[in-house]
Amino acid sequence: MPSFLHSLASPARFQRIANAIMPWAVLLTVGLIGTGVVWGLAFSPPDYQQGDTVRVMYIHVPAAWMAMACYAVMALLSASFLIWKHQLADLAARACAPIGACFTAVALITGSLWGKPTWGTWWVWDARLTSVLILFFLYLGYMALAAAFDDRERGGRAAAILACVGAINLPIIKYSVEWWNTLHQGASVFRMDGPTIDNAMLWPLVLTGIGFNALFVVLLLVRIKSELLARRIEVLQRARAAGRS
């Protein structure tokens, strides 16, 4: 991890790598999400119990996967920043936070839309739902803490500690349906004995999930490039101000 991050420390090198990845990531995002969503909404069969309501799954489940994946990436980057003091890790972690918060919000909203016809209510204080809501607050807390200090490095350290401590919530989200009696169904894709979903539903779900991963890459690269540009402008402004004084 540190050697990889150090290899990207040069803004010019990072820009070259990002520019090479971006077109492919955009192509995968549009192609996979478009195919998966159209397949899932228009051509996959309805569930024998839930009917067409199950089609919310093709947005809700990938968003929930990415909510957890983004936080895991953010926590790893934060740990790298705390251990090796690499500024790019802090910058990338900050870029992850709003993306992960948006994925989590989508998961919560679509989960409520799915829960109303399935459970008869928009929200229950279910172990899975509650732990995902806590994940959303962790994202918000990270962003607020990172912006709370005038010293960027102090804010980064404080936010990184929160990100690392908050990672304990990830296994709670994953295993909440096994540890507690909840309304939320258990895992049906990532299982030791294989998926329990019919292939007609599984394939559009997998395509959309991979597409959401590609979307994360696109958004992350855009945010990192924007942050690098903003910091470069800030440095130039300080240099001009120092020159005038």
Protein backbone atom coordinates (compact mmCIF):
# COMPACT_ATOMS: atom_id res chain seq x y z
CA MET A 1 0.00 0.00 0.00
CA PRO A 2 2.62 2.67 0.92
CA SER A 3 4.77 1.94 -2.16
CA PHE A 4 1.67 2.09 -4.37
CA LEU A 5 0.58 5.40 -2.85
CA HIS A 6 4.09 6.83 -3.13
CA SER A 7 4.10 5.89 -6.82
CA LEU A 8 1.02 8.12 -7.24
CA ALA A 9 2.43 10.99 -5.19
CA SER A 10 3.31 12.97 -8.31
CA PRO A 11 0.17 14.82 -9.49
CA ALA A 12 1.33 14.48 -13.09
CA ARG A 13 1.71 10.70 -12.73
CA PHE A 14 -1.67 10.40 -11.03
CA GLN A 15 -3.29 12.46 -13.79
CA ARG A 16 -1.83 10.15 -16.45
CA ILE A 17 -3.10 7.04 -14.68
CA ALA A 18 -6.50 8.59 -13.99
CA ASN A 19 -6.88 9.75 -17.59
CA ALA A 20 -6.08 6.23 -18.81
CA ILE A 21 -8.59 4.58 -16.46
CA MET A 22 -11.42 7.10 -16.78
CA PRO A 23 -12.77 6.25 -20.29
CA TRP A 24 -12.91 2.53 -19.50
CA ALA A 25 -14.53 3.14 -16.14
CA VAL A 26 -17.17 5.40 -17.72
CA LEU A 27 -17.84 2.83 -20.44
CA LEU A 28 -18.25 0.06 -17.85
CA THR A 29 -20.48 2.26 -15.70
CA VAL A 30 -22.89 3.15 -18.50
CA GLY A 31 -22.88 -0.28 -20.12
CA LEU A 32 -23.21 -2.43 -17.02
CA ILE A 33 -25.64 -0.28 -15.04
CA GLY A 34 -27.73 0.35 -18.15
CA THR A 35 -27.84 -3.34 -19.06
CA GLY A 36 -28.42 -4.52 -15.50
CA VAL A 37 -31.18 -2.05 -14.71
CA VAL A 38 -33.06 -2.56 -17.99
CA TRP A 39 -32.71 -6.34 -17.67
CA GLY A 40 -33.81 -6.28 -14.04
CA LEU A 41 -36.74 -3.89 -14.44
CA ALA A 42 -38.08 -5.06 -17.78
CA PHE A 43 -37.07 -8.66 -18.39
CA SER A 44 -36.35 -10.44 -15.10
CA PRO A 45 -39.28 -12.41 -13.64
CA PRO A 46 -41.28 -11.12 -10.65
CA ASP A 47 -40.79 -12.82 -7.29
CA TYR A 48 -43.35 -15.48 -6.44
CA GLN A 49 -44.13 -13.75 -3.12
CA GLN A 50 -43.21 -10.08 -3.60
CA GLY A 51 -44.22 -9.73 -7.22
CA ASP A 52 -42.79 -6.74 -9.10
CA THR A 53 -41.81 -5.07 -5.81
CA VAL A 54 -38.64 -7.17 -5.86
CA ARG A 55 -37.31 -5.05 -8.74
CA VAL A 56 -36.20 -2.44 -6.18
CA MET A 57 -33.48 -5.00 -5.43
CA TYR A 58 -31.53 -4.07 -8.57
CA ILE A 59 -30.78 -0.64 -7.11
CA HIS A 60 -31.02 -1.29 -3.38
CA VAL A 61 -28.65 -4.25 -3.13
CA PRO A 62 -25.77 -2.81 -5.23
CA ALA A 63 -26.10 0.50 -3.34
CA ALA A 64 -25.88 -1.37 -0.02
CA TRP A 65 -22.81 -3.29 -1.24
CA MET A 66 -21.12 -0.06 -2.26
CA ALA A 67 -22.05 1.68 1.00
CA MET A 68 -19.97 -0.91 2.86
CA ALA A 69 -17.22 -1.16 0.22
CA CYS A 70 -16.67 2.62 0.16
CA TYR A 71 -16.33 2.70 3.93
CA ALA A 72 -13.87 -0.19 3.87
CA VAL A 73 -11.76 1.67 1.29
CA MET A 74 -12.00 4.88 3.33
CA ALA A 75 -10.93 3.07 6.51
CA LEU A 76 -7.95 1.44 4.76
CA LEU A 77 -6.85 4.77 3.31
CA SER A 78 -7.26 6.41 6.72
CA ALA A 79 -5.13 3.72 8.35
CA SER A 80 -2.49 4.26 5.68
CA PHE A 81 -2.54 7.99 6.38
CA LEU A 82 -2.17 7.45 10.13
CA ILE A 83 0.66 4.92 9.76
CA TRP A 84 2.66 6.28 6.82
CA LYS A 85 1.54 9.96 6.87
CA HIS A 86 0.84 9.84 3.15
CA GLN A 87 -1.14 12.91 2.08
CA LEU A 88 -2.63 11.19 -0.97
CA ALA A 89 -4.24 8.60 1.30
CA ASP A 90 -5.91 11.38 3.30
CA LEU A 91 -7.05 13.10 0.11
CA ALA A 92 -8.48 9.88 -1.33
CA ALA A 93 -10.23 9.03 1.94
CA ARG A 94 -11.86 12.47 1.99
CA ALA A 95 -12.95 11.89 -1.62
CA CYS A 96 -14.52 8.54 -0.67
CA ALA A 97 -16.69 9.92 2.13
CA PRO A 98 -19.41 11.82 0.21
CA ILE A 99 -19.58 9.06 -2.41
CA GLY A 100 -20.13 6.43 0.27
CA ALA A 101 -22.67 8.65 2.03
CA CYS A 102 -24.66 8.94 -1.21
CA PHE A 103 -24.61 5.17 -1.76
CA THR A 104 -25.76 4.67 1.84
CA ALA A 105 -28.58 7.20 1.43
CA VAL A 106 -29.72 5.42 -1.75
CA ALA A 107 -29.65 2.08 0.10
CA LEU A 108 -31.72 3.48 2.98
CA ILE A 109 -34.28 5.19 0.72
CA THR A 110 -34.75 2.23 -1.62
CA GLY A 111 -34.86 -0.08 1.38
CA SER A 112 -37.75 1.94 2.78
CA LEU A 113 -39.53 1.82 -0.59
CA TRP A 114 -39.05 -1.95 -0.61
CA GLY A 115 -40.00 -2.36 3.04
CA LYS A 116 -43.38 -0.63 2.84
CA PRO A 117 -45.11 -3.20 0.58
CA THR A 118 -43.09 -6.12 1.99
CA TRP A 119 -43.20 -5.43 5.75
CA GLY A 120 -46.10 -2.98 5.84
CA THR A 121 -43.96 -0.12 7.17
CA TRP A 122 -41.38 2.33 5.86
CA TRP A 123 -38.95 1.75 8.72
CA VAL A 124 -38.31 -0.61 11.61
CA TRP A 125 -35.48 -0.48 14.14
CA ASP A 126 -34.17 -3.70 12.69
CA ALA A 127 -30.54 -4.64 13.39
CA ARG A 128 -29.54 -4.41 9.71
CA LEU A 129 -31.39 -1.15 9.06
CA THR A 130 -30.13 0.46 12.26
CA SER A 131 -26.50 -0.50 11.61
CA VAL A 132 -26.70 0.89 8.06
CA LEU A 133 -28.17 4.12 9.45
CA ILE A 134 -25.20 4.27 11.85
CA LEU A 135 -22.94 3.83 8.80
CA PHE A 136 -24.56 6.87 7.21
CA PHE A 137 -23.92 8.91 10.37
CA LEU A 138 -20.30 7.72 10.40
CA TYR A 139 -19.85 9.12 6.89
CA LEU A 140 -21.39 12.44 7.96
CA GLY A 141 -19.28 12.50 11.12
CA TYR A 142 -16.11 11.85 9.12
CA MET A 143 -16.83 14.72 6.74
CA ALA A 144 -17.76 17.09 9.57
CA LEU A 145 -14.66 16.21 11.60
CA ALA A 146 -12.32 16.54 8.61
CA ALA A 147 -13.65 20.05 7.96
CA ALA A 148 -13.74 21.13 11.61
CA PHE A 149 -10.05 22.08 11.87
CA ASP A 150 -8.21 24.98 10.25
CA ASP A 151 -5.14 22.73 10.15
CA ARG A 152 -5.86 20.25 7.35
CA GLU A 153 -3.53 17.60 8.79
CA ARG A 154 -5.08 17.72 12.26
CA GLY A 155 -8.53 17.39 10.73
CA GLY A 156 -7.33 14.50 8.59
CA ARG A 157 -5.89 12.67 11.62
CA ALA A 158 -9.05 13.13 13.68
CA ALA A 159 -11.28 11.98 10.82
CA ALA A 160 -8.98 9.05 10.06
CA ILE A 161 -9.22 7.81 13.65
CA LEU A 162 -13.03 7.98 13.44
CA ALA A 163 -12.97 6.07 10.13
CA CYS A 164 -10.79 3.30 11.57
CA VAL A 165 -12.85 2.97 14.76
CA GLY A 166 -16.10 3.04 12.78
CA ALA A 167 -14.96 0.09 10.67
CA ILE A 168 -16.15 -2.18 13.49
CA ASN A 169 -19.66 -1.44 12.20
CA LEU A 170 -18.99 -3.27 8.90
CA PRO A 171 -19.02 -6.83 10.33
CA ILE A 172 -22.03 -5.83 12.43
CA ILE A 173 -23.90 -4.88 9.25
CA LYS A 174 -22.78 -8.07 7.51
CA TYR A 175 -23.68 -10.52 10.28
CA SER A 176 -26.56 -8.65 11.95
CA VAL A 177 -29.13 -10.91 10.29
CA GLU A 178 -27.35 -13.95 11.78
CA TRP A 179 -26.62 -12.55 15.24
CA TRP A 180 -30.10 -11.14 15.89
CA ASN A 181 -33.65 -12.00 14.97
CA THR A 182 -34.41 -9.43 12.25
CA LEU A 183 -36.99 -8.79 9.56
CA HIS A 184 -34.26 -8.33 6.98
CA GLN A 185 -33.53 -11.44 4.93
CA GLY A 186 -30.16 -13.15 5.13
CA ALA A 187 -27.46 -13.26 2.46
CA SER A 188 -28.64 -14.71 -0.84
CA VAL A 189 -25.70 -13.94 -3.16
CA PHE A 190 -22.43 -14.20 -1.21
CA ARG A 191 -22.92 -17.55 0.51
CA MET A 192 -20.59 -20.46 1.15
CA ASP A 193 -23.06 -22.82 -0.54
CA GLY A 194 -23.61 -20.51 -3.51
CA PRO A 195 -26.32 -17.97 -4.41
CA THR A 196 -29.92 -18.83 -3.71
CA ILE A 197 -31.30 -16.43 -6.35
CA ASP A 198 -32.40 -17.74 -9.72
CA ASN A 199 -29.98 -16.87 -12.54
CA ALA A 200 -32.66 -14.77 -14.24
CA MET A 201 -32.47 -12.41 -11.25
CA LEU A 202 -28.85 -13.00 -10.28
CA TRP A 203 -27.20 -11.90 -13.53
CA PRO A 204 -28.81 -8.44 -13.80
CA LEU A 205 -28.06 -7.93 -10.11
CA VAL A 206 -24.39 -8.86 -10.60
CA LEU A 207 -24.08 -6.63 -13.68
CA THR A 208 -25.55 -3.68 -11.82
CA GLY A 209 -23.29 -4.38 -8.85
CA ILE A 210 -20.16 -4.34 -11.02
CA GLY A 211 -21.46 -1.20 -12.71
CA PHE A 212 -21.80 0.50 -9.33
CA ASN A 213 -18.17 -0.40 -8.61
CA ALA A 214 -17.15 1.25 -11.89
CA LEU A 215 -19.26 4.29 -10.98
CA PHE A 216 -17.39 4.53 -7.68
CA VAL A 217 -14.07 4.54 -9.55
CA VAL A 218 -15.29 7.31 -11.87
CA LEU A 219 -16.57 9.48 -9.03
CA LEU A 220 -13.47 8.87 -6.91
CA LEU A 221 -11.09 9.85 -9.72
CA VAL A 222 -13.11 12.98 -10.49
CA ARG A 223 -13.12 14.05 -6.84
CA ILE A 224 -9.39 13.38 -6.36
CA LYS A 225 -8.52 15.31 -9.51
CA SER A 226 -10.73 18.18 -8.38
CA GLU A 227 -9.13 18.21 -4.93
CA LEU A 228 -5.61 18.19 -6.40
CA LEU A 229 -6.56 21.14 -8.60
CA ALA A 230 -8.10 23.00 -5.65
CA ARG A 231 -4.96 22.49 -3.56
CA ARG A 232 -2.76 23.62 -6.42
CA ILE A 233 -4.81 26.80 -6.77
CA GLU A 234 -4.60 27.33 -3.00
CA VAL A 235 -0.79 27.01 -3.09
CA LEU A 236 -0.55 29.50 -5.97
CA GLN A 237 -2.79 31.97 -4.16
CA ARG A 238 -0.65 31.75 -1.03
CA ALA A 239 2.51 32.22 -3.08
CA ARG A 240 1.06 35.35 -4.75
CA ALA A 241 -0.09 36.71 -1.39
CA ALA A 242 3.38 36.13 0.07
CA GLY A 243 4.98 37.83 -2.94
CA ARG A 244 2.80 40.92 -2.57
CA SER A 245 3.59 41.18 1.12
